[in-house]
Amino acid sequence: MVQSKEEHRRINRENMRKTNANRKAAALAGDEEAIASIQKDNEYHKEYNRKKRSDLKTRADKGDLEAKKELDKKDKASLLSFTFSFIENRADLKQLDELETLVNIRRQQLSNNKSKGE
């Protein structure tokens, strides 16, 4: 049976998830080879993202509007990701209460702007 491209990609993604889960479990168990492999993959992805961001920044500086939009989108996504990481890893209950208050204030501002027609 011949697989469609989408089916092939789905199977590959699932296999990669299993491989990564096994590698992570081995690293948590103290396997030095798994730890080194994960670190190597992380460095590769960091370098890839650095190059991609640098290319976007260069294109945006030259006046490419689409690159500028993509860069803004990535900046917002990074900020959101950082915020969630902070909440997940470091925030205590007081900080979460403050964050909830800020979110409620911002929601109120947005709903007021919407009702005014802005």
C-alpha atoms as a PDB file:
ATOM      1  CA  MET A   1       0.000   0.000   0.000  1.00  0.00           C
ATOM      2  CA  VAL A   2       1.321   3.422  -0.947  1.00  0.00           C
ATOM      3  CA  GLN A   3       1.062   6.123   1.698  1.00  0.00           C
ATOM      4  CA  SER A   4      -0.004   9.630   0.941  1.00  0.00           C
ATOM      5  CA  LYS A   5       2.474  12.384   1.784  1.00  0.00           C
ATOM      6  CA  GLU A   6       0.326  13.541   4.673  1.00  0.00           C
ATOM      7  CA  GLU A   7       0.044  10.024   6.103  1.00  0.00           C
ATOM      8  CA  HIS A   8       3.791   9.574   5.733  1.00  0.00           C
ATOM      9  CA  ARG A   9       4.444  12.862   7.552  1.00  0.00           C
ATOM     10  CA  ARG A  10       2.000  11.953  10.312  1.00  0.00           C
ATOM     11  CA  ILE A  11       3.738   8.618  10.869  1.00  0.00           C
ATOM     12  CA  ASN A  12       7.169  10.283  10.866  1.00  0.00           C
ATOM     13  CA  ARG A  13       6.029  12.887  13.408  1.00  0.00           C
ATOM     14  CA  GLU A  14       4.618  10.171  15.657  1.00  0.00           C
ATOM     15  CA  ASN A  15       7.845   8.160  15.411  1.00  0.00           C
ATOM     16  CA  MET A  16       9.878  11.267  16.235  1.00  0.00           C
ATOM     17  CA  ARG A  17       7.684  11.955  19.285  1.00  0.00           C
ATOM     18  CA  LYS A  18       8.293   8.400  20.510  1.00  0.00           C
ATOM     19  CA  THR A  19      12.042   8.678  19.874  1.00  0.00           C
ATOM     20  CA  ASN A  20      12.251  11.989  21.717  1.00  0.00           C
ATOM     21  CA  ALA A  21      10.199  10.651  24.632  1.00  0.00           C
ATOM     22  CA  ASN A  22      12.488   7.614  24.912  1.00  0.00           C
ATOM     23  CA  ARG A  23      15.578   9.815  24.725  1.00  0.00           C
ATOM     24  CA  LYS A  24      14.205  12.153  27.389  1.00  0.00           C
ATOM     25  CA  ALA A  25      13.394   9.215  29.670  1.00  0.00           C
ATOM     26  CA  ALA A  26      16.918   7.850  29.178  1.00  0.00           C
ATOM     27  CA  ALA A  27      18.404  11.276  29.938  1.00  0.00           C
ATOM     28  CA  LEU A  28      16.360  11.551  33.124  1.00  0.00           C
ATOM     29  CA  ALA A  29      17.661   8.106  34.083  1.00  0.00           C
ATOM     30  CA  GLY A  30      21.211   9.447  33.696  1.00  0.00           C
ATOM     31  CA  ASP A  31      22.228   8.105  30.259  1.00  0.00           C
ATOM     32  CA  GLU A  32      25.150  10.333  29.203  1.00  0.00           C
ATOM     33  CA  GLU A  33      24.694   9.552  25.502  1.00  0.00           C
ATOM     34  CA  ALA A  34      21.039  10.625  25.614  1.00  0.00           C
ATOM     35  CA  ILE A  35      21.930  13.826  27.486  1.00  0.00           C
ATOM     36  CA  ALA A  36      24.616  14.676  24.911  1.00  0.00           C
ATOM     37  CA  SER A  37      22.214  13.928  22.064  1.00  0.00           C
ATOM     38  CA  ILE A  38      19.536  16.216  23.514  1.00  0.00           C
ATOM     39  CA  GLN A  39      22.068  19.003  24.079  1.00  0.00           C
ATOM     40  CA  LYS A  40      23.317  18.658  20.495  1.00  0.00           C
ATOM     41  CA  ASP A  41      19.757  18.860  19.143  1.00  0.00           C
ATOM     42  CA  ASN A  42      19.009  21.901  21.318  1.00  0.00           C
ATOM     43  CA  GLU A  43      22.132  23.682  20.060  1.00  0.00           C
ATOM     44  CA  TYR A  44      21.212  22.899  16.456  1.00  0.00           C
ATOM     45  CA  HIS A  45      17.714  24.338  16.875  1.00  0.00           C
ATOM     46  CA  LYS A  46      18.994  27.419  18.710  1.00  0.00           C
ATOM     47  CA  GLU A  47      21.498  28.119  15.920  1.00  0.00           C
ATOM     48  CA  TYR A  48      18.860  27.525  13.232  1.00  0.00           C
ATOM     49  CA  ASN A  49      16.454  29.940  14.933  1.00  0.00           C
ATOM     50  CA  ARG A  50      19.226  32.524  15.443  1.00  0.00           C
ATOM     51  CA  LYS A  51      20.069  32.432  11.727  1.00  0.00           C
ATOM     52  CA  LYS A  52      16.420  32.615  10.708  1.00  0.00           C
ATOM     53  CA  ARG A  53      15.802  35.568  13.030  1.00  0.00           C
ATOM     54  CA  SER A  54      18.944  37.313  11.804  1.00  0.00           C
ATOM     55  CA  ASP A  55      17.799  36.878   8.200  1.00  0.00           C
ATOM     56  CA  LEU A  56      14.347  38.248   9.048  1.00  0.00           C
ATOM     57  CA  LYS A  57      15.885  41.212  10.872  1.00  0.00           C
ATOM     58  CA  THR A  58      18.151  41.985   7.918  1.00  0.00           C
ATOM     59  CA  ARG A  59      15.242  41.834   5.480  1.00  0.00           C
ATOM     60  CA  ALA A  60      13.060  43.961   7.774  1.00  0.00           C
ATOM     61  CA  ASP A  61      15.820  46.569   8.107  1.00  0.00           C
ATOM     62  CA  LYS A  62      15.979  46.760   4.315  1.00  0.00           C
ATOM     63  CA  GLY A  63      12.270  47.611   4.236  1.00  0.00           C
ATOM     64  CA  ASP A  64      10.614  44.236   3.592  1.00  0.00           C
ATOM     65  CA  LEU A  65       7.165  44.678   5.151  1.00  0.00           C
ATOM     66  CA  GLU A  66       6.379  40.963   5.205  1.00  0.00           C
ATOM     67  CA  ALA A  67       9.631  40.239   7.065  1.00  0.00           C
ATOM     68  CA  LYS A  68       8.801  43.033   9.503  1.00  0.00           C
ATOM     69  CA  LYS A  69       5.353  41.533  10.168  1.00  0.00           C
ATOM     70  CA  GLU A  70       6.864  38.076  10.657  1.00  0.00           C
ATOM     71  CA  LEU A  71       9.466  39.492  13.050  1.00  0.00           C
ATOM     72  CA  ASP A  72       6.763  41.282  15.074  1.00  0.00           C
ATOM     73  CA  LYS A  73       4.732  38.083  15.166  1.00  0.00           C
ATOM     74  CA  LYS A  74       7.752  36.103  16.409  1.00  0.00           C
ATOM     75  CA  ASP A  75       8.522  38.758  19.046  1.00  0.00           C
ATOM     76  CA  LYS A  76       4.976  38.566  20.381  1.00  0.00           C
ATOM     77  CA  ALA A  77       5.088  34.758  20.380  1.00  0.00           C
ATOM     78  CA  SER A  78       8.417  34.809  22.239  1.00  0.00           C
ATOM     79  CA  LEU A  79       7.056  37.182  24.844  1.00  0.00           C
ATOM     80  CA  LEU A  80       3.972  35.038  25.302  1.00  0.00           C
ATOM     81  CA  SER A  81       6.109  31.896  25.571  1.00  0.00           C
ATOM     82  CA  PHE A  82       8.356  33.570  28.142  1.00  0.00           C
ATOM     83  CA  THR A  83       5.321  34.643  30.160  1.00  0.00           C
ATOM     84  CA  PHE A  84       3.881  31.139  30.205  1.00  0.00           C
ATOM     85  CA  SER A  85       7.277  29.667  31.144  1.00  0.00           C
ATOM     86  CA  PHE A  86       7.547  32.126  34.016  1.00  0.00           C
ATOM     87  CA  ILE A  87       4.064  31.283  35.233  1.00  0.00           C
ATOM     88  CA  GLU A  88       4.684  27.565  34.935  1.00  0.00           C
ATOM     89  CA  ASN A  89       8.111  27.525  36.570  1.00  0.00           C
ATOM     90  CA  ARG A  90       8.539  30.460  38.930  1.00  0.00           C
ATOM     91  CA  ALA A  91       5.388  32.348  39.758  1.00  0.00           C
ATOM     92  CA  ASP A  92       4.008  32.133  43.269  1.00  0.00           C
ATOM     93  CA  LEU A  93       0.361  32.690  44.207  1.00  0.00           C
ATOM     94  CA  LYS A  94       0.808  36.411  44.884  1.00  0.00           C
ATOM     95  CA  GLN A  95       2.316  36.944  41.438  1.00  0.00           C
ATOM     96  CA  LEU A  96      -0.471  34.920  39.842  1.00  0.00           C
ATOM     97  CA  ASP A  97      -3.060  37.094  41.611  1.00  0.00           C
ATOM     98  CA  GLU A  98      -1.315  40.241  40.330  1.00  0.00           C
ATOM     99  CA  LEU A  99      -1.242  38.807  36.826  1.00  0.00           C
ATOM    100  CA  GLU A 100      -4.942  37.954  37.002  1.00  0.00           C
ATOM    101  CA  THR A 101      -5.680  41.535  38.090  1.00  0.00           C
ATOM    102  CA  LEU A 102      -3.669  42.913  35.152  1.00  0.00           C
ATOM    103  CA  VAL A 103      -5.471  40.610  32.731  1.00  0.00           C
ATOM    104  CA  ASN A 104      -8.859  41.705  34.058  1.00  0.00           C
ATOM    105  CA  ILE A 105      -7.899  45.383  33.738  1.00  0.00           C
ATOM    106  CA  ARG A 106      -6.736  44.837  30.159  1.00  0.00           C
ATOM    107  CA  ARG A 107      -9.921  42.958  29.283  1.00  0.00           C
ATOM    108  CA  GLN A 108     -11.963  45.831  30.678  1.00  0.00           C
ATOM    109  CA  GLN A 109      -9.963  48.331  28.614  1.00  0.00           C
ATOM    110  CA  LEU A 110     -10.467  46.282  25.466  1.00  0.00           C
ATOM    111  CA  SER A 111     -14.195  45.897  26.052  1.00  0.00           C
ATOM    112  CA  ASN A 112     -14.503  49.659  26.699  1.00  0.00           C
ATOM    113  CA  ASN A 113     -12.656  50.403  23.453  1.00  0.00           C
ATOM    114  CA  LYS A 114     -14.874  47.954  21.591  1.00  0.00           C
ATOM    115  CA  SER A 115     -18.060  49.502  22.974  1.00  0.00           C
ATOM    116  CA  LYS A 116     -16.847  52.988  21.998  1.00  0.00           C
ATOM    117  CA  GLY A 117     -16.243  51.732  18.457  1.00  0.00           C
ATOM    118  CA  GLU A 118     -12.493  52.277  18.407  1.00  0.00           C
END
